[in-house]
Amino acid sequence: MALPTPSPPADGKEINVNALQRLDDTCDALIGALGERDWDAIAKLDVACRTCIDEVLENHTMDQGLLREKLEGVLEVYRNLIDVTTGERQAIAEEMMQINQAKNASKVYHLFR
């Protein structure tokens, strides 16, 4: 999965558009990676998303309403990411518990054999 790459802008207005487009592209890629449960890509995209957010926030000439809308979209993506990862973590914990129970049952079986 290719990460969105920054392109050098010619003026301040282009910075706004490019930074917002990269943020959108990165969030879209993050959603796709989440759907595929591609944790390596998610880790890389998380770093890229944070970089895009930093770049967007450094530009003080951006329309604040548009900026708020974009950041709320990013927040929703991260809420979804947290929900999915929490569910995955719980599933893994339950699986580990079942493995340990089976292991203990096997030990008991071998004791009375």
PDB file of N, CA and C in Angstrom:
ATOM      1  N   MET A   1       0.845  -1.162   0.000  1.00  0.00           N
ATOM      2  CA  MET A   1       0.000   0.000   0.000  1.00  0.00           C
ATOM      3  C   MET A   1       0.892   1.227   0.000  1.00  0.00           C
ATOM      4  N   ALA A   2       0.735   2.088  -0.982  1.00  0.00           N
ATOM      5  CA  ALA A   2       1.575   3.269  -1.116  1.00  0.00           C
ATOM      6  C   ALA A   2       1.074   4.373  -0.195  1.00  0.00           C
ATOM      7  N   LEU A   3       2.010   5.013   0.482  1.00  0.00           N
ATOM      8  CA  LEU A   3       1.663   6.127   1.344  1.00  0.00           C
ATOM      9  C   LEU A   3       1.579   7.393   0.517  1.00  0.00           C
ATOM     10  N   PRO A   4       0.645   8.294   0.836  1.00  0.00           N
ATOM     11  CA  PRO A   4       0.591   9.571   0.139  1.00  0.00           C
ATOM     12  C   PRO A   4       1.882  10.340   0.390  1.00  0.00           C
ATOM     13  N   THR A   5       2.413  10.948  -0.665  1.00  0.00           N
ATOM     14  CA  THR A   5       3.678  11.669  -0.534  1.00  0.00           C
ATOM     15  C   THR A   5       3.462  13.153  -0.753  1.00  0.00           C
ATOM     16  N   PRO A   6       4.173  13.975   0.018  1.00  0.00           N
ATOM     17  CA  PRO A   6       4.028  15.414  -0.140  1.00  0.00           C
ATOM     18  C   PRO A   6       4.645  15.902  -1.444  1.00  0.00           C
ATOM     19  N   SER A   7       4.028  16.917  -2.016  1.00  0.00           N
ATOM     20  CA  SER A   7       4.589  17.551  -3.203  1.00  0.00           C
ATOM     21  C   SER A   7       4.840  19.013  -2.875  1.00  0.00           C
ATOM     22  N   PRO A   8       5.926  19.578  -3.383  1.00  0.00           N
ATOM     23  CA  PRO A   8       6.264  20.955  -3.027  1.00  0.00           C
ATOM     24  C   PRO A   8       5.259  21.949  -3.611  1.00  0.00           C
ATOM     25  N   PRO A   9       4.667  22.785  -2.779  1.00  0.00           N
ATOM     26  CA  PRO A   9       3.693  23.763  -3.240  1.00  0.00           C
ATOM     27  C   PRO A   9       4.355  25.024  -3.790  1.00  0.00           C
ATOM     28  N   ALA A  10       3.608  25.749  -4.621  1.00  0.00           N
ATOM     29  CA  ALA A  10       4.119  26.987  -5.198  1.00  0.00           C
ATOM     30  C   ALA A  10       3.710  28.197  -4.367  1.00  0.00           C
ATOM     31  N   ASP A  11       2.529  28.138  -3.743  1.00  0.00           N
ATOM     32  CA  ASP A  11       2.071  29.262  -2.928  1.00  0.00           C
ATOM     33  C   ASP A  11       1.287  28.750  -1.724  1.00  0.00           C
ATOM     34  N   GLY A  12       0.904  29.668  -0.838  1.00  0.00           N
ATOM     35  CA  GLY A  12       0.191  29.291   0.377  1.00  0.00           C
ATOM     36  C   GLY A  12      -1.122  28.594   0.124  1.00  0.00           C
ATOM     37  N   LYS A  13      -1.847  29.026  -0.908  1.00  0.00           N
ATOM     38  CA  LYS A  13      -3.141  28.408  -1.203  1.00  0.00           C
ATOM     39  C   LYS A  13      -2.958  26.951  -1.616  1.00  0.00           C
ATOM     40  N   GLU A  14      -1.912  26.699  -2.380  1.00  0.00           N
ATOM     41  CA  GLU A  14      -1.648  25.327  -2.810  1.00  0.00           C
ATOM     42  C   GLU A  14      -1.251  24.458  -1.615  1.00  0.00           C
ATOM     43  N   ILE A  15      -0.594  25.057  -0.629  1.00  0.00           N
ATOM     44  CA  ILE A  15      -0.263  24.311   0.588  1.00  0.00           C
ATOM     45  C   ILE A  15      -1.551  23.806   1.223  1.00  0.00           C
ATOM     46  N   ASN A  16      -2.545  24.692   1.321  1.00  0.00           N
ATOM     47  CA  ASN A  16      -3.820  24.307   1.922  1.00  0.00           C
ATOM     48  C   ASN A  16      -4.429  23.124   1.198  1.00  0.00           C
ATOM     49  N   VAL A  17      -4.522  23.237  -0.124  1.00  0.00           N
ATOM     50  CA  VAL A  17      -5.159  22.198  -0.926  1.00  0.00           C
ATOM     51  C   VAL A  17      -4.357  20.905  -0.862  1.00  0.00           C
ATOM     52  N   ASN A  18      -3.049  20.997  -1.048  1.00  0.00           N
ATOM     53  CA  ASN A  18      -2.208  19.798  -1.024  1.00  0.00           C
ATOM     54  C   ASN A  18      -2.223  19.119   0.341  1.00  0.00           C
ATOM     55  N   ALA A  19      -2.115  19.898   1.398  1.00  0.00           N
ATOM     56  CA  ALA A  19      -2.100  19.322   2.742  1.00  0.00           C
ATOM     57  C   ALA A  19      -3.435  18.651   3.049  1.00  0.00           C
ATOM     58  N   LEU A  20      -4.518  19.303   2.698  1.00  0.00           N
ATOM     59  CA  LEU A  20      -5.836  18.711   2.940  1.00  0.00           C
ATOM     60  C   LEU A  20      -6.054  17.474   2.084  1.00  0.00           C
ATOM     61  N   GLN A  21      -5.584  17.520   0.840  1.00  0.00           N
ATOM     62  CA  GLN A  21      -5.743  16.357  -0.033  1.00  0.00           C
ATOM     63  C   GLN A  21      -4.926  15.181   0.492  1.00  0.00           C
ATOM     64  N   ARG A  22      -3.706  15.453   0.955  1.00  0.00           N
ATOM     65  CA  ARG A  22      -2.882  14.383   1.526  1.00  0.00           C
ATOM     66  C   ARG A  22      -3.527  13.813   2.785  1.00  0.00           C
ATOM     67  N   LEU A  23      -4.124  14.698   3.586  1.00  0.00           N
ATOM     68  CA  LEU A  23      -4.815  14.241   4.788  1.00  0.00           C
ATOM     69  C   LEU A  23      -5.990  13.340   4.412  1.00  0.00           C
ATOM     70  N   ASP A  24      -6.774  13.770   3.424  1.00  0.00           N
ATOM     71  CA  ASP A  24      -7.892  12.941   2.942  1.00  0.00           C
ATOM     72  C   ASP A  24      -7.393  11.604   2.403  1.00  0.00           C
ATOM     73  N   ASP A  25      -6.352  11.656   1.574  1.00  0.00           N
ATOM     74  CA  ASP A  25      -5.808  10.428   0.981  1.00  0.00           C
ATOM     75  C   ASP A  25      -5.277   9.479   2.058  1.00  0.00           C
ATOM     76  N   THR A  26      -4.609  10.047   3.046  1.00  0.00           N
ATOM     77  CA  THR A  26      -4.055   9.226   4.121  1.00  0.00           C
ATOM     78  C   THR A  26      -5.170   8.590   4.940  1.00  0.00           C
ATOM     79  N   CYS A  27      -6.207   9.353   5.240  1.00  0.00           N
ATOM     80  CA  CYS A  27      -7.343   8.796   5.994  1.00  0.00           C
ATOM     81  C   CYS A  27      -8.045   7.705   5.190  1.00  0.00           C
ATOM     82  N   ASP A  28      -8.207   7.934   3.886  1.00  0.00           N
ATOM     83  CA  ASP A  28      -8.820   6.903   3.034  1.00  0.00           C
ATOM     84  C   ASP A  28      -7.979   5.628   3.039  1.00  0.00           C
ATOM     85  N   ALA A  29      -6.666   5.793   2.945  1.00  0.00           N
ATOM     86  CA  ALA A  29      -5.771   4.629   2.970  1.00  0.00           C
ATOM     87  C   ALA A  29      -5.834   3.937   4.331  1.00  0.00           C
ATOM     88  N   LEU A  30      -5.956   4.716   5.385  1.00  0.00           N
ATOM     89  CA  LEU A  30      -6.063   4.161   6.734  1.00  0.00           C
ATOM     90  C   LEU A  30      -7.348   3.345   6.880  1.00  0.00           C
ATOM     91  N   ILE A  31      -8.436   3.846   6.336  1.00  0.00           N
ATOM     92  CA  ILE A  31      -9.708   3.114   6.360  1.00  0.00           C
ATOM     93  C   ILE A  31      -9.574   1.803   5.584  1.00  0.00           C
ATOM     94  N   GLY A  32      -8.923   1.855   4.427  1.00  0.00           N
ATOM     95  CA  GLY A  32      -8.714   0.647   3.631  1.00  0.00           C
ATOM     96  C   GLY A  32      -7.860  -0.376   4.360  1.00  0.00           C
ATOM     97  N   ALA A  33      -6.785   0.091   4.979  1.00  0.00           N
ATOM     98  CA  ALA A  33      -5.902  -0.819   5.720  1.00  0.00           C
ATOM     99  C   ALA A  33      -6.629  -1.414   6.922  1.00  0.00           C
ATOM    100  N   LEU A  34      -7.475  -0.629   7.545  1.00  0.00           N
ATOM    101  CA  LEU A  34      -8.247  -1.123   8.681  1.00  0.00           C
ATOM    102  C   LEU A  34      -9.214  -2.213   8.233  1.00  0.00           C
ATOM    103  N   GLY A  35      -9.835  -2.008   7.089  1.00  0.00           N
ATOM    104  CA  GLY A  35     -10.742  -3.015   6.549  1.00  0.00           C
ATOM    105  C   GLY A  35     -10.043  -4.326   6.254  1.00  0.00           C
ATOM    106  N   GLU A  36      -8.784  -4.242   5.867  1.00  0.00           N
ATOM    107  CA  GLU A  36      -7.987  -5.442   5.558  1.00  0.00           C
ATOM    108  C   GLU A  36      -7.247  -5.974   6.781  1.00  0.00           C
ATOM    109  N   ARG A  37      -7.342  -5.254   7.896  1.00  0.00           N
ATOM    110  CA  ARG A  37      -6.618  -5.598   9.127  1.00  0.00           C
ATOM    111  C   ARG A  37      -5.112  -5.688   8.862  1.00  0.00           C
ATOM    112  N   ASP A  38      -4.625  -4.745   8.053  1.00  0.00           N
ATOM    113  CA  ASP A  38      -3.201  -4.679   7.712  1.00  0.00           C
ATOM    114  C   ASP A  38      -2.512  -3.774   8.737  1.00  0.00           C
ATOM    115  N   TRP A  39      -2.094  -4.373   9.840  1.00  0.00           N
ATOM    116  CA  TRP A  39      -1.583  -3.603  10.971  1.00  0.00           C
ATOM    117  C   TRP A  39      -0.273  -2.892  10.652  1.00  0.00           C
ATOM    118  N   ASP A  40       0.573  -3.470   9.800  1.00  0.00           N
ATOM    119  CA  ASP A  40       1.820  -2.796   9.411  1.00  0.00           C
ATOM    120  C   ASP A  40       1.515  -1.514   8.642  1.00  0.00           C
ATOM    121  N   ALA A  41       0.583  -1.612   7.695  1.00  0.00           N
ATOM    122  CA  ALA A  41       0.194  -0.424   6.922  1.00  0.00           C
ATOM    123  C   ALA A  41      -0.459   0.610   7.830  1.00  0.00           C
ATOM    124  N   ILE A  42      -1.270   0.155   8.776  1.00  0.00           N
ATOM    125  CA  ILE A  42      -1.929   1.081   9.700  1.00  0.00           C
ATOM    126  C   ILE A  42      -0.886   1.851  10.503  1.00  0.00           C
ATOM    127  N   ALA A  43       0.142   1.172  10.965  1.00  0.00           N
ATOM    128  CA  ALA A  43       1.195   1.844  11.737  1.00  0.00           C
ATOM    129  C   ALA A  43       1.883   2.921  10.896  1.00  0.00           C
ATOM    130  N   LYS A  44       2.191   2.601   9.643  1.00  0.00           N
ATOM    131  CA  LYS A  44       2.846   3.573   8.759  1.00  0.00           C
ATOM    132  C   LYS A  44       1.904   4.724   8.424  1.00  0.00           C
ATOM    133  N   LEU A  45       0.655   4.398   8.162  1.00  0.00           N
ATOM    134  CA  LEU A  45      -0.324   5.433   7.825  1.00  0.00           C
ATOM    135  C   LEU A  45      -0.626   6.327   9.023  1.00  0.00           C
ATOM    136  N   ASP A  46      -0.552   5.779  10.220  1.00  0.00           N
ATOM    137  CA  ASP A  46      -0.751   6.587  11.424  1.00  0.00           C
ATOM    138  C   ASP A  46       0.310   7.679  11.496  1.00  0.00           C
ATOM    139  N   VAL A  47       1.548   7.299  11.244  1.00  0.00           N
ATOM    140  CA  VAL A  47       2.644   8.283  11.249  1.00  0.00           C
ATOM    141  C   VAL A  47       2.420   9.320  10.144  1.00  0.00           C
ATOM    142  N   ALA A  48       2.035   8.857   8.955  1.00  0.00           N
ATOM    143  CA  ALA A  48       1.785   9.770   7.835  1.00  0.00           C
ATOM    144  C   ALA A  48       0.629  10.712   8.150  1.00  0.00           C
ATOM    145  N   CYS A  49      -0.409  10.191   8.789  1.00  0.00           N
ATOM    146  CA  CYS A  49      -1.567  11.009   9.138  1.00  0.00           C
ATOM    147  C   CYS A  49      -1.180  12.085  10.152  1.00  0.00           C
ATOM    148  N   ARG A  50      -0.382  11.709  11.127  1.00  0.00           N
ATOM    149  CA  ARG A  50       0.069  12.684  12.124  1.00  0.00           C
ATOM    150  C   ARG A  50       0.908  13.788  11.472  1.00  0.00           C
ATOM    151  N   THR A  51       1.735  13.404  10.509  1.00  0.00           N
ATOM    152  CA  THR A  51       2.545  14.381   9.784  1.00  0.00           C
ATOM    153  C   THR A  51       1.655  15.336   8.998  1.00  0.00           C
ATOM    154  N   CYS A  52       0.648  14.796   8.332  1.00  0.00           N
ATOM    155  CA  CYS A  52      -0.294  15.631   7.575  1.00  0.00           C
ATOM    156  C   CYS A  52      -1.033  16.593   8.499  1.00  0.00           C
ATOM    157  N   ILE A  53      -1.456  16.099   9.648  1.00  0.00           N
ATOM    158  CA  ILE A  53      -2.166  16.957  10.604  1.00  0.00           C
ATOM    159  C   ILE A  53      -1.254  18.077  11.079  1.00  0.00           C
ATOM    160  N   ASP A  54      -0.008  17.755  11.397  1.00  0.00           N
ATOM    161  CA  ASP A  54       0.945  18.788  11.812  1.00  0.00           C
ATOM    162  C   ASP A  54       1.097  19.848  10.728  1.00  0.00           C
ATOM    163  N   GLU A  55       1.210  19.402   9.485  1.00  0.00           N
ATOM    164  CA  GLU A  55       1.367  20.335   8.368  1.00  0.00           C
ATOM    165  C   GLU A  55       0.136  21.223   8.218  1.00  0.00           C
ATOM    166  N   VAL A  56      -1.030  20.634   8.331  1.00  0.00           N
ATOM    167  CA  VAL A  56      -2.271  21.397   8.199  1.00  0.00           C
ATOM    168  C   VAL A  56      -2.386  22.414   9.332  1.00  0.00           C
ATOM    169  N   LEU A  57      -2.044  22.004  10.544  1.00  0.00           N
ATOM    170  CA  LEU A  57      -2.171  22.900  11.695  1.00  0.00           C
ATOM    171  C   LEU A  57      -1.141  24.025  11.683  1.00  0.00           C
ATOM    172  N   GLU A  58      -0.009  23.812  11.019  1.00  0.00           N
ATOM    173  CA  GLU A  58       1.008  24.859  10.924  1.00  0.00           C
ATOM    174  C   GLU A  58       0.569  26.002  10.020  1.00  0.00           C
ATOM    175  N   ASN A  59      -0.360  25.732   9.126  1.00  0.00           N
ATOM    176  CA  ASN A  59      -0.820  26.742   8.180  1.00  0.00           C
ATOM    177  C   ASN A  59      -1.984  27.509   8.796  1.00  0.00           C
ATOM    178  N   HIS A  60      -1.730  28.742   9.194  1.00  0.00           N
ATOM    179  CA  HIS A  60      -2.738  29.540   9.892  1.00  0.00           C
ATOM    180  C   HIS A  60      -3.702  30.249   8.951  1.00  0.00           C
ATOM    181  N   THR A  61      -3.484  30.171   7.648  1.00  0.00           N
ATOM    182  CA  THR A  61      -4.363  30.868   6.701  1.00  0.00           C
ATOM    183  C   THR A  61      -5.512  29.988   6.228  1.00  0.00           C
ATOM    184  N   MET A  62      -5.596  28.790   6.727  1.00  0.00           N
ATOM    185  CA  MET A  62      -6.618  27.845   6.276  1.00  0.00           C
ATOM    186  C   MET A  62      -7.990  28.226   6.826  1.00  0.00           C
ATOM    187  N   ASP A  63      -9.015  27.959   6.044  1.00  0.00           N
ATOM    188  CA  ASP A  63     -10.399  28.169   6.460  1.00  0.00           C
ATOM    189  C   ASP A  63     -10.673  27.305   7.694  1.00  0.00           C
ATOM    190  N   GLN A  64     -10.980  27.940   8.808  1.00  0.00           N
ATOM    191  CA  GLN A  64     -11.148  27.229  10.075  1.00  0.00           C
ATOM    192  C   GLN A  64     -12.328  26.257  10.059  1.00  0.00           C
ATOM    193  N   GLY A  65     -13.398  26.608   9.349  1.00  0.00           N
ATOM    194  CA  GLY A  65     -14.545  25.701   9.237  1.00  0.00           C
ATOM    195  C   GLY A  65     -14.181  24.431   8.496  1.00  0.00           C
ATOM    196  N   LEU A  66     -13.455  24.590   7.400  1.00  0.00           N
ATOM    197  CA  LEU A  66     -13.016  23.435   6.619  1.00  0.00           C
ATOM    198  C   LEU A  66     -12.031  22.589   7.429  1.00  0.00           C
ATOM    199  N   LEU A  67     -11.125  23.266   8.119  1.00  0.00           N
ATOM    200  CA  LEU A  67     -10.152  22.559   8.951  1.00  0.00           C
ATOM    201  C   LEU A  67     -10.862  21.743  10.030  1.00  0.00           C
ATOM    202  N   ARG A  68     -11.841  22.344  10.665  1.00  0.00           N
ATOM    203  CA  ARG A  68     -12.596  21.641  11.712  1.00  0.00           C
ATOM    204  C   ARG A  68     -13.288  20.410  11.136  1.00  0.00           C
ATOM    205  N   GLU A  69     -13.895  20.568   9.964  1.00  0.00           N
ATOM    206  CA  GLU A  69     -14.588  19.453   9.307  1.00  0.00           C
ATOM    207  C   GLU A  69     -13.614  18.304   9.012  1.00  0.00           C
ATOM    208  N   LYS A  70     -12.452  18.642   8.480  1.00  0.00           N
ATOM    209  CA  LYS A  70     -11.454  17.614   8.149  1.00  0.00           C
ATOM    210  C   LYS A  70     -10.951  16.907   9.405  1.00  0.00           C
ATOM    211  N   LEU A  71     -10.678  17.677  10.452  1.00  0.00           N
ATOM    212  CA  LEU A  71     -10.172  17.079  11.684  1.00  0.00           C
ATOM    213  C   LEU A  71     -11.231  16.219  12.372  1.00  0.00           C
ATOM    214  N   GLU A  72     -12.495  16.605  12.266  1.00  0.00           N
ATOM    215  CA  GLU A  72     -13.567  15.765  12.810  1.00  0.00           C
ATOM    216  C   GLU A  72     -13.651  14.447  12.040  1.00  0.00           C
ATOM    217  N   GLY A  73     -13.399  14.500  10.730  1.00  0.00           N
ATOM    218  CA  GLY A  73     -13.356  13.276   9.930  1.00  0.00           C
ATOM    219  C   GLY A  73     -12.219  12.368  10.363  1.00  0.00           C
ATOM    220  N   VAL A  74     -11.061  12.960  10.623  1.00  0.00           N
ATOM    221  CA  VAL A  74      -9.904  12.189  11.097  1.00  0.00           C
ATOM    222  C   VAL A  74     -10.226  11.571  12.461  1.00  0.00           C
ATOM    223  N   LEU A  75     -10.859  12.346  13.311  1.00  0.00           N
ATOM    224  CA  LEU A  75     -11.235  11.846  14.634  1.00  0.00           C
ATOM    225  C   LEU A  75     -12.161  10.638  14.520  1.00  0.00           C
ATOM    226  N   GLU A  76     -13.094  10.682  13.597  1.00  0.00           N
ATOM    227  CA  GLU A  76     -14.014   9.556  13.391  1.00  0.00           C
ATOM    228  C   GLU A  76     -13.256   8.313  12.911  1.00  0.00           C
ATOM    229  N   VAL A  77     -12.286   8.509  12.028  1.00  0.00           N
ATOM    230  CA  VAL A  77     -11.466   7.378  11.556  1.00  0.00           C
ATOM    231  C   VAL A  77     -10.727   6.751  12.734  1.00  0.00           C
ATOM    232  N   TYR A  78     -10.148   7.583  13.592  1.00  0.00           N
ATOM    233  CA  TYR A  78      -9.402   7.057  14.733  1.00  0.00           C
ATOM    234  C   TYR A  78     -10.317   6.411  15.772  1.00  0.00           C
ATOM    235  N   ARG A  79     -11.525   6.933  15.934  1.00  0.00           N
ATOM    236  CA  ARG A  79     -12.487   6.268  16.834  1.00  0.00           C
ATOM    237  C   ARG A  79     -12.799   4.867  16.315  1.00  0.00           C
ATOM    238  N   ASN A  80     -13.016   4.768  15.013  1.00  0.00           N
ATOM    239  CA  ASN A  80     -13.282   3.470  14.394  1.00  0.00           C
ATOM    240  C   ASN A  80     -12.080   2.544  14.573  1.00  0.00           C
ATOM    241  N   LEU A  81     -10.897   3.082  14.378  1.00  0.00           N
ATOM    242  CA  LEU A  81      -9.666   2.302  14.554  1.00  0.00           C
ATOM    243  C   LEU A  81      -9.551   1.772  15.984  1.00  0.00           C
ATOM    244  N   ILE A  82      -9.854   2.602  16.950  1.00  0.00           N
ATOM    245  CA  ILE A  82      -9.797   2.183  18.356  1.00  0.00           C
ATOM    246  C   ILE A  82     -10.826   1.096  18.632  1.00  0.00           C
ATOM    247  N   ASP A  83     -12.036   1.261  18.099  1.00  0.00           N
ATOM    248  CA  ASP A  83     -13.073   0.239  18.293  1.00  0.00           C
ATOM    249  C   ASP A  83     -12.638  -1.108  17.728  1.00  0.00           C
ATOM    250  N   VAL A  84     -12.103  -1.084  16.512  1.00  0.00           N
ATOM    251  CA  VAL A  84     -11.686  -2.333  15.868  1.00  0.00           C
ATOM    252  C   VAL A  84     -10.519  -2.966  16.614  1.00  0.00           C
ATOM    253  N   THR A  85      -9.532  -2.176  16.972  1.00  0.00           N
ATOM    254  CA  THR A  85      -8.365  -2.746  17.653  1.00  0.00           C
ATOM    255  C   THR A  85      -8.734  -3.268  19.041  1.00  0.00           C
ATOM    256  N   THR A  86      -9.658  -2.601  19.714  1.00  0.00           N
ATOM    257  CA  THR A  86     -10.117  -3.093  21.012  1.00  0.00           C
ATOM    258  C   THR A  86     -10.810  -4.442  20.855  1.00  0.00           C
ATOM    259  N   GLY A  87     -11.641  -4.562  19.839  1.00  0.00           N
ATOM    260  CA  GLY A  87     -12.307  -5.837  19.563  1.00  0.00           C
ATOM    261  C   GLY A  87     -11.318  -6.933  19.216  1.00  0.00           C
ATOM    262  N   GLU A  88     -10.329  -6.601  18.402  1.00  0.00           N
ATOM    263  CA  GLU A  88      -9.299  -7.578  18.033  1.00  0.00           C
ATOM    264  C   GLU A  88      -8.502  -8.018  19.258  1.00  0.00           C
ATOM    265  N   ARG A  89      -8.161  -7.061  20.097  1.00  0.00           N
ATOM    266  CA  ARG A  89      -7.403  -7.378  21.308  1.00  0.00           C
ATOM    267  C   ARG A  89      -8.214  -8.299  22.221  1.00  0.00           C
ATOM    268  N   GLN A  90      -9.507  -8.020  22.355  1.00  0.00           N
ATOM    269  CA  GLN A  90     -10.369  -8.856  23.187  1.00  0.00           C
ATOM    270  C   GLN A  90     -10.467 -10.270  22.619  1.00  0.00           C
ATOM    271  N   ALA A  91     -10.590 -10.372  21.300  1.00  0.00           N
ATOM    272  CA  ALA A  91     -10.665 -11.691  20.661  1.00  0.00           C
ATOM    273  C   ALA A  91      -9.380 -12.485  20.899  1.00  0.00           C
ATOM    274  N   ILE A  92      -8.247 -11.815  20.814  1.00  0.00           N
ATOM    275  CA  ILE A  92      -6.964 -12.483  21.054  1.00  0.00           C
ATOM    276  C   ILE A  92      -6.856 -12.908  22.518  1.00  0.00           C
ATOM    277  N   ALA A  93      -7.308 -12.058  23.431  1.00  0.00           N
ATOM    278  CA  ALA A  93      -7.261 -12.407  24.856  1.00  0.00           C
ATOM    279  C   ALA A  93      -8.126 -13.631  25.139  1.00  0.00           C
ATOM    280  N   GLU A  94      -9.304 -13.682  24.539  1.00  0.00           N
ATOM    281  CA  GLU A  94     -10.183 -14.840  24.729  1.00  0.00           C
ATOM    282  C   GLU A  94      -9.561 -16.106  24.144  1.00  0.00           C
ATOM    283  N   GLU A  95      -8.936 -15.967  22.996  1.00  0.00           N
ATOM    284  CA  GLU A  95      -8.277 -17.117  22.377  1.00  0.00           C
ATOM    285  C   GLU A  95      -7.127 -17.624  23.248  1.00  0.00           C
ATOM    286  N   MET A  96      -6.361 -16.707  23.800  1.00  0.00           N
ATOM    287  CA  MET A  96      -5.260 -17.098  24.688  1.00  0.00           C
ATOM    288  C   MET A  96      -5.791 -17.796  25.938  1.00  0.00           C
ATOM    289  N   MET A  97      -6.918 -17.314  26.465  1.00  0.00           N
ATOM    290  CA  MET A  97      -7.512 -17.937  27.637  1.00  0.00           C
ATOM    291  C   MET A  97      -7.955 -19.370  27.312  1.00  0.00           C
ATOM    292  N   GLN A  98      -8.540 -19.569  26.148  1.00  0.00           N
ATOM    293  CA  GLN A  98      -8.960 -20.909  25.732  1.00  0.00           C
ATOM    294  C   GLN A  98      -7.753 -21.830  25.552  1.00  0.00           C
ATOM    295  N   ILE A  99      -6.686 -21.306  25.004  1.00  0.00           N
ATOM    296  CA  ILE A  99      -5.463 -22.101  24.835  1.00  0.00           C
ATOM    297  C   ILE A  99      -4.925 -22.524  26.198  1.00  0.00           C
ATOM    298  N   ASN A 100      -4.901 -21.592  27.139  1.00  0.00           N
ATOM    299  CA  ASN A 100      -4.411 -21.917  28.485  1.00  0.00           C
ATOM    300  C   ASN A 100      -5.313 -22.942  29.174  1.00  0.00           C
ATOM    301  N   GLN A 101      -6.625 -22.815  28.991  1.00  0.00           N
ATOM    302  CA  GLN A 101      -7.544 -23.792  29.582  1.00  0.00           C
ATOM    303  C   GLN A 101      -7.317 -25.176  28.981  1.00  0.00           C
ATOM    304  N   ALA A 102      -7.122 -25.234  27.689  1.00  0.00           N
ATOM    305  CA  ALA A 102      -6.864 -26.520  27.030  1.00  0.00           C
ATOM    306  C   ALA A 102      -5.538 -27.108  27.501  1.00  0.00           C
ATOM    307  N   LYS A 103      -4.564 -26.259  27.674  1.00  0.00           N
ATOM    308  CA  LYS A 103      -3.252 -26.706  28.153  1.00  0.00           C
ATOM    309  C   LYS A 103      -3.373 -27.279  29.567  1.00  0.00           C
ATOM    310  N   ASN A 104      -4.116 -26.587  30.426  1.00  0.00           N
ATOM    311  CA  ASN A 104      -4.316 -27.068  31.798  1.00  0.00           C
ATOM    312  C   ASN A 104      -5.111 -28.372  31.817  1.00  0.00           C
ATOM    313  N   ALA A 105      -6.107 -28.481  30.966  1.00  0.00           N
ATOM    314  CA  ALA A 105      -6.896 -29.711  30.884  1.00  0.00           C
ATOM    315  C   ALA A 105      -6.016 -30.872  30.434  1.00  0.00           C
ATOM    316  N   SER A 106      -5.119 -30.592  29.531  1.00  0.00           N
ATOM    317  CA  SER A 106      -4.197 -31.621  29.052  1.00  0.00           C
ATOM    318  C   SER A 106      -3.277 -32.089  30.178  1.00  0.00           C
ATOM    319  N   LYS A 107      -2.818 -31.160  30.999  1.00  0.00           N
ATOM    320  CA  LYS A 107      -1.959 -31.516  32.135  1.00  0.00           C
ATOM    321  C   LYS A 107      -2.717 -32.409  33.116  1.00  0.00           C
ATOM    322  N   VAL A 108      -3.969 -32.053  33.403  1.00  0.00           N
ATOM    323  CA  VAL A 108      -4.783 -32.850  34.320  1.00  0.00           C
ATOM    324  C   VAL A 108      -5.001 -34.238  33.743  1.00  0.00           C
ATOM    325  N   TYR A 109      -5.273 -34.314  32.479  1.00  0.00           N
ATOM    326  CA  TYR A 109      -5.492 -35.602  31.820  1.00  0.00           C
ATOM    327  C   TYR A 109      -4.256 -36.490  31.968  1.00  0.00           C
ATOM    328  N   HIS A 110      -3.091 -35.914  31.753  1.00  0.00           N
ATOM    329  CA  HIS A 110      -1.849 -36.691  31.841  1.00  0.00           C
ATOM    330  C   HIS A 110      -1.520 -37.094  33.282  1.00  0.00           C
ATOM    331  N   LEU A 111      -1.993 -36.330  34.265  1.00  0.00           N
ATOM    332  CA  LEU A 111      -1.776 -36.694  35.666  1.00  0.00           C
ATOM    333  C   LEU A 111      -2.524 -37.972  36.042  1.00  0.00           C
ATOM    334  N   PHE A 112      -3.726 -38.129  35.514  1.00  0.00           N
ATOM    335  CA  PHE A 112      -4.568 -39.266  35.885  1.00  0.00           C
ATOM    336  C   PHE A 112      -4.498 -40.413  34.896  1.00  0.00           C
ATOM    337  N   ARG A 113      -3.621 -40.357  34.003  1.00  0.00           N
ATOM    338  CA  ARG A 113      -3.468 -41.408  33.001  1.00  0.00           C
ATOM    339  C   ARG A 113      -2.692 -42.563  33.479  1.00  0.00           C
TER     340      ARG A 113
END
